[in-house]
Amino acid sequence: MFDSSKPSVARMYDHLLGGTDNYQVDRDACVELLRLAPSTRELALVNRAWLVRAVRYLAEERGIRRFLDHGSGLPTRPNVHEVAQAVDPSSEVVYIDNDPVVAAHGRLSLAEDPSTTAILQIDMRQTDLIFNSPEVTKLLRGDQPVAALFVSVLHCIPDTDDPWDLVRRVAQGLPAGSYMVISQLASDDPELRASITAFMDEITGGQWGEVRSTGEVKRFFEGLELLEVDRQEPVEVSTWHRDGDLGPRQREDSEWIEYGGVALIK
């Protein structure tokens, strides 16, 4: 159910990226969030740039032509299908988001080529429903590898819903040789984690999960093979195949970062 009286994580993110698909309630919430963690706007830009680099890398260097984007958010250019299709116009993308505003905007922006792009208005925790949908069944045809994206979205799932199991279920549902692209907001400062988690949970009416420690984020990669063989652990994402000087620019060491990586499903 759409409720414009409460901030939306997707619309707040849109505002932080400089978008216009948001309301005053979202902008007001961002003001308070920036007070708690002043580098959050830069963090959103860092995350978006990393998403683009990861998709381009998988398309160009690993030959991936099929992408499953969980918690895709409001369309932001360049979006996943635009990056992938710049490498190969036949690339296919299925976006998943339970926000009705995101789904409506997505369908409008994807209407020009429904043969290669689709959006499902489904909660990403409903793995069986997603994998049994006609759109994802089509994406998985021929046992070709797929890149599953969980980019800056797992912090929307509380520990009680076991997001680590969600990642495992998705990995198990994909062909061998597929990839997982995972990042989430993280901090090793317990006070910051608690304050932002409580704030976001309150303003979104419970549509939030947890800001996690870097150790908790590492758990998402258990059983997967991280591509950064020299590190074998996730990284602050602006350092992953860095191609510019955009970084998180935290004002204090205690602020949160976007922490993640790209991993192979063996």
Protein backbone atom coordinates (compact mmCIF):
# COMPACT_ATOMS: atom_id res chain seq x y z
CA MET A 1 0.00 0.00 0.00
CA PHE A 2 1.39 3.40 -1.01
CA ASP A 3 1.63 5.89 1.86
CA SER A 4 3.00 9.32 0.93
CA SER A 5 2.93 10.42 4.59
CA LYS A 6 5.92 8.23 5.45
CA PRO A 7 9.41 8.41 3.94
CA SER A 8 10.40 5.65 1.55
CA VAL A 9 13.92 4.25 1.43
CA ALA A 10 13.77 4.25 -2.39
CA ARG A 11 12.60 7.88 -2.55
CA MET A 12 15.17 9.01 0.04
CA TYR A 13 17.88 7.35 -2.05
CA ASP A 14 16.49 9.05 -5.15
CA HIS A 15 16.73 12.43 -3.39
CA LEU A 16 20.30 11.77 -2.23
CA LEU A 17 21.24 11.00 -5.85
CA GLY A 18 19.70 14.29 -7.01
CA GLY A 19 16.51 12.77 -8.41
CA THR A 20 13.04 14.30 -8.46
CA ASP A 21 10.85 11.26 -7.73
CA ASN A 22 10.49 12.06 -4.03
CA TYR A 23 8.33 14.06 -1.62
CA GLN A 24 8.96 16.63 1.09
CA VAL A 25 8.64 13.93 3.73
CA ASP A 26 11.54 12.07 2.08
CA ARG A 27 13.67 15.21 1.86
CA ASP A 28 12.99 16.06 5.51
CA ALA A 29 14.04 12.54 6.52
CA CYS A 30 17.26 12.94 4.56
CA VAL A 31 18.06 16.13 6.48
CA GLU A 32 17.92 14.20 9.75
CA LEU A 33 19.82 11.24 8.30
CA LEU A 34 22.59 13.59 7.11
CA ARG A 35 22.79 14.96 10.65
CA LEU A 36 23.40 11.46 11.98
CA ALA A 37 25.83 10.49 9.19
CA PRO A 38 26.95 13.57 7.20
CA SER A 39 28.62 11.66 4.35
CA THR A 40 25.45 9.77 3.38
CA ARG A 41 24.92 11.75 0.16
CA GLU A 42 28.44 10.90 -1.03
CA LEU A 43 27.83 7.33 0.04
CA ALA A 44 24.79 7.10 -2.24
CA LEU A 45 26.85 8.41 -5.16
CA VAL A 46 29.66 5.98 -4.37
CA ASN A 47 27.21 3.09 -4.31
CA ARG A 48 25.61 4.03 -7.61
CA ALA A 49 28.99 4.36 -9.32
CA TRP A 50 29.99 0.95 -7.96
CA LEU A 51 26.80 -0.65 -9.28
CA VAL A 52 27.60 0.69 -12.75
CA ARG A 53 31.22 -0.56 -12.57
CA ALA A 54 30.19 -4.00 -11.35
CA VAL A 55 27.56 -4.50 -14.07
CA ARG A 56 29.91 -3.22 -16.78
CA TYR A 57 32.71 -5.47 -15.54
CA LEU A 58 30.49 -8.56 -15.52
CA ALA A 59 29.18 -7.76 -18.99
CA GLU A 60 32.55 -6.89 -20.55
CA GLU A 61 34.98 -9.16 -18.72
CA ARG A 62 32.82 -12.12 -17.70
CA GLY A 63 30.35 -12.24 -20.58
CA ILE A 64 27.24 -12.01 -18.40
CA ARG A 65 24.10 -11.17 -20.38
CA ARG A 66 21.41 -11.80 -17.76
CA PHE A 67 20.87 -9.82 -14.56
CA LEU A 68 18.44 -10.20 -11.65
CA ASP A 69 18.32 -6.97 -9.65
CA HIS A 70 16.81 -7.31 -6.16
CA GLY A 71 15.47 -4.15 -4.54
CA SER A 72 16.19 -2.15 -7.67
CA GLY A 73 14.76 1.17 -6.47
CA LEU A 74 13.57 4.06 -8.60
CA PRO A 75 15.04 4.17 -12.13
CA THR A 76 18.31 6.11 -12.13
CA ARG A 77 20.38 6.62 -15.26
CA PRO A 78 22.36 4.72 -16.19
CA ASN A 79 20.34 1.81 -14.89
CA VAL A 80 21.39 -1.84 -14.99
CA HIS A 81 19.83 -2.62 -18.37
CA GLU A 82 21.36 0.50 -19.93
CA VAL A 83 24.85 -0.42 -18.72
CA ALA A 84 24.53 -4.07 -19.77
CA GLN A 85 22.92 -3.30 -23.12
CA ALA A 86 25.66 -0.79 -23.95
CA VAL A 87 27.93 -3.85 -24.01
CA ASP A 88 25.43 -6.16 -25.73
CA PRO A 89 21.95 -4.95 -26.76
CA SER A 90 20.55 -8.45 -26.21
CA SER A 91 21.32 -8.36 -22.47
CA GLU A 92 18.30 -9.13 -20.30
CA VAL A 93 17.40 -7.68 -16.90
CA VAL A 94 14.62 -8.45 -14.43
CA TYR A 95 14.14 -5.85 -11.70
CA ILE A 96 12.48 -6.78 -8.40
CA ASP A 97 11.01 -4.29 -5.93
CA ASN A 98 7.98 -4.37 -3.64
CA ASP A 99 7.46 -0.58 -3.69
CA PRO A 100 4.42 0.25 -5.90
CA VAL A 101 5.89 3.63 -6.85
CA VAL A 102 9.11 1.96 -7.97
CA ALA A 103 7.16 -0.61 -9.98
CA ALA A 104 5.02 2.05 -11.69
CA HIS A 105 8.02 4.18 -12.65
CA GLY A 106 9.93 1.10 -13.74
CA ARG A 107 7.18 -0.12 -16.04
CA LEU A 108 7.01 3.29 -17.72
CA SER A 109 10.75 3.45 -18.28
CA LEU A 110 11.00 -0.15 -19.50
CA ALA A 111 7.97 -0.11 -21.79
CA GLU A 112 10.07 0.56 -24.88
CA ASP A 113 11.64 -2.91 -24.84
CA PRO A 114 9.67 -5.48 -22.82
CA SER A 115 11.46 -8.34 -24.57
CA THR A 116 14.71 -7.74 -22.68
CA THR A 117 13.59 -5.96 -19.49
CA ALA A 118 10.91 -6.55 -16.89
CA ILE A 119 10.01 -5.43 -13.39
CA LEU A 120 8.31 -7.56 -10.75
CA GLN A 121 6.48 -5.98 -7.82
CA ILE A 122 7.40 -8.70 -5.34
CA ASP A 123 9.13 -8.64 -1.97
CA MET A 124 12.64 -9.93 -2.61
CA ARG A 125 12.28 -12.31 0.36
CA GLN A 126 9.69 -14.30 -1.63
CA THR A 127 12.30 -16.35 -3.47
CA ASP A 128 9.94 -19.12 -4.61
CA LEU A 129 7.47 -16.63 -6.08
CA ILE A 130 10.29 -14.82 -7.89
CA PHE A 131 11.91 -17.95 -9.32
CA ASN A 132 8.56 -19.35 -10.45
CA SER A 133 7.53 -16.15 -12.23
CA PRO A 134 7.44 -16.27 -16.06
CA GLU A 135 9.96 -13.42 -16.25
CA VAL A 136 12.62 -15.15 -14.15
CA THR A 137 11.89 -18.57 -15.67
CA LYS A 138 12.67 -16.97 -19.05
CA LEU A 139 15.83 -15.37 -17.65
CA LEU A 140 17.07 -18.77 -16.42
CA ARG A 141 16.45 -20.64 -19.67
CA GLY A 142 19.32 -22.59 -21.16
CA ASP A 143 21.25 -22.72 -17.90
CA GLN A 144 23.23 -19.61 -18.82
CA PRO A 145 24.96 -17.73 -15.96
CA VAL A 146 23.10 -14.89 -14.27
CA ALA A 147 24.30 -12.02 -12.10
CA ALA A 148 22.08 -11.55 -9.04
CA LEU A 149 22.32 -8.07 -7.55
CA PHE A 150 21.71 -7.13 -3.92
CA VAL A 151 23.12 -3.62 -4.05
CA SER A 152 22.57 -1.49 -0.95
CA VAL A 153 19.35 -3.30 -0.11
CA LEU A 154 20.05 -6.08 2.39
CA HIS A 155 20.05 -3.53 5.22
CA CYS A 156 16.30 -3.25 4.54
CA ILE A 157 15.84 -6.81 5.85
CA PRO A 158 15.93 -7.39 9.62
CA ASP A 159 18.04 -10.13 11.17
CA THR A 160 14.84 -11.94 12.17
CA ASP A 161 14.12 -12.55 8.47
CA ASP A 162 17.63 -14.04 7.97
CA PRO A 163 18.95 -12.15 4.93
CA TRP A 164 21.94 -14.53 4.84
CA ASP A 165 19.57 -17.40 4.08
CA LEU A 166 17.92 -15.28 1.38
CA VAL A 167 21.29 -14.83 -0.35
CA ARG A 168 21.98 -18.58 -0.05
CA ARG A 169 18.58 -19.47 -1.54
CA VAL A 170 19.11 -17.18 -4.52
CA ALA A 171 22.62 -18.54 -5.09
CA GLN A 172 21.28 -22.10 -4.99
CA GLY A 173 18.64 -21.20 -7.58
CA LEU A 174 21.13 -19.90 -10.13
CA PRO A 175 23.24 -21.92 -12.59
CA ALA A 176 26.86 -22.68 -11.74
CA GLY A 177 29.11 -19.93 -13.02
CA SER A 178 26.66 -17.22 -12.00
CA TYR A 179 27.64 -14.22 -9.89
CA MET A 180 26.42 -12.39 -6.80
CA VAL A 181 26.89 -8.63 -6.46
CA ILE A 182 26.34 -7.69 -2.82
CA SER A 183 26.77 -4.53 -0.79
CA GLN A 184 25.16 -3.08 2.27
CA LEU A 185 25.54 -0.15 4.65
CA ALA A 186 27.95 -1.13 7.39
CA SER A 187 29.73 0.29 10.41
CA ASP A 188 31.85 -1.19 13.16
CA ASP A 189 30.61 1.50 15.55
CA PRO A 190 27.77 -0.13 17.54
CA GLU A 191 26.32 3.22 18.62
CA LEU A 192 26.06 4.47 15.04
CA ARG A 193 24.51 1.18 13.90
CA ALA A 194 21.93 1.37 16.66
CA SER A 195 21.05 5.05 16.16
CA ILE A 196 20.60 4.88 12.38
CA THR A 197 18.77 1.55 12.53
CA ALA A 198 16.33 2.95 15.10
CA PHE A 199 15.85 6.20 13.15
CA MET A 200 15.21 4.50 9.80
CA ASP A 201 12.92 1.90 11.34
CA GLU A 202 10.82 4.62 12.98
CA ILE A 203 10.46 6.98 10.03
CA THR A 204 9.70 4.21 7.50
CA GLY A 205 7.12 2.52 9.70
CA GLY A 206 9.15 -0.64 10.06
CA GLN A 207 10.30 -0.85 6.42
CA TRP A 208 13.93 -1.20 7.46
CA GLY A 209 16.29 -3.85 8.68
CA GLU A 210 19.75 -3.39 10.18
CA VAL A 211 22.91 -1.43 9.66
CA ARG A 212 25.42 -4.27 10.09
CA SER A 213 29.05 -4.68 11.07
CA THR A 214 31.62 -5.52 8.39
CA GLY A 215 31.87 -9.01 9.91
CA GLU A 216 28.14 -9.54 9.44
CA VAL A 217 28.38 -8.42 5.82
CA LYS A 218 31.22 -10.89 5.19
CA ARG A 219 28.80 -13.68 6.09
CA PHE A 220 26.84 -12.98 2.89
CA PHE A 221 29.83 -14.29 0.91
CA GLU A 222 30.18 -17.62 2.71
CA GLY A 223 30.36 -20.44 0.15
CA LEU A 224 31.06 -17.98 -2.67
CA GLU A 225 34.37 -17.13 -4.37
CA LEU A 226 35.16 -13.43 -4.17
CA LEU A 227 36.77 -12.11 -7.34
CA GLU A 228 39.37 -10.09 -5.43
CA VAL A 229 41.67 -13.08 -4.96
CA ASP A 230 44.37 -11.01 -3.25
CA ARG A 231 41.96 -10.05 -0.45
CA GLN A 232 39.26 -12.72 -0.28
CA GLU A 233 37.04 -10.39 1.67
CA PRO A 234 34.59 -7.60 0.83
CA VAL A 235 35.81 -4.01 0.46
CA GLU A 236 34.58 -0.44 0.78
CA VAL A 237 33.02 -0.39 -2.67
CA SER A 238 34.65 2.80 -4.01
CA THR A 239 37.93 0.84 -4.03
CA TRP A 240 36.53 -2.02 -6.17
CA HIS A 241 38.02 -1.60 -9.69
CA ARG A 242 38.26 2.09 -8.92
CA ASP A 243 38.02 4.36 -11.97
CA GLY A 244 37.85 7.84 -10.41
CA ASP A 245 38.36 9.81 -7.23
CA LEU A 246 34.82 9.40 -5.89
CA GLY A 247 35.04 8.04 -2.35
CA PRO A 248 32.87 7.92 0.77
CA ARG A 249 34.47 11.05 2.32
CA GLN A 250 33.39 10.27 5.86
CA ARG A 251 33.75 13.20 8.24
CA GLU A 252 34.49 10.76 11.07
CA ASP A 253 35.92 7.25 11.20
CA SER A 254 32.76 6.14 12.99
CA GLU A 255 30.50 6.81 9.99
CA TRP A 256 29.02 4.05 7.89
CA ILE A 257 30.38 2.78 4.58
CA GLU A 258 29.03 0.78 1.65
CA TYR A 259 30.75 -2.58 2.02
CA GLY A 260 30.59 -5.44 -0.45
CA GLY A 261 31.97 -7.24 -3.45
CA VAL A 262 31.35 -9.49 -6.45
CA ALA A 263 31.54 -13.26 -6.06
CA LEU A 264 31.36 -16.34 -8.24
CA ILE A 265 28.89 -19.14 -7.59
CA LYS A 266 30.92 -22.29 -8.18
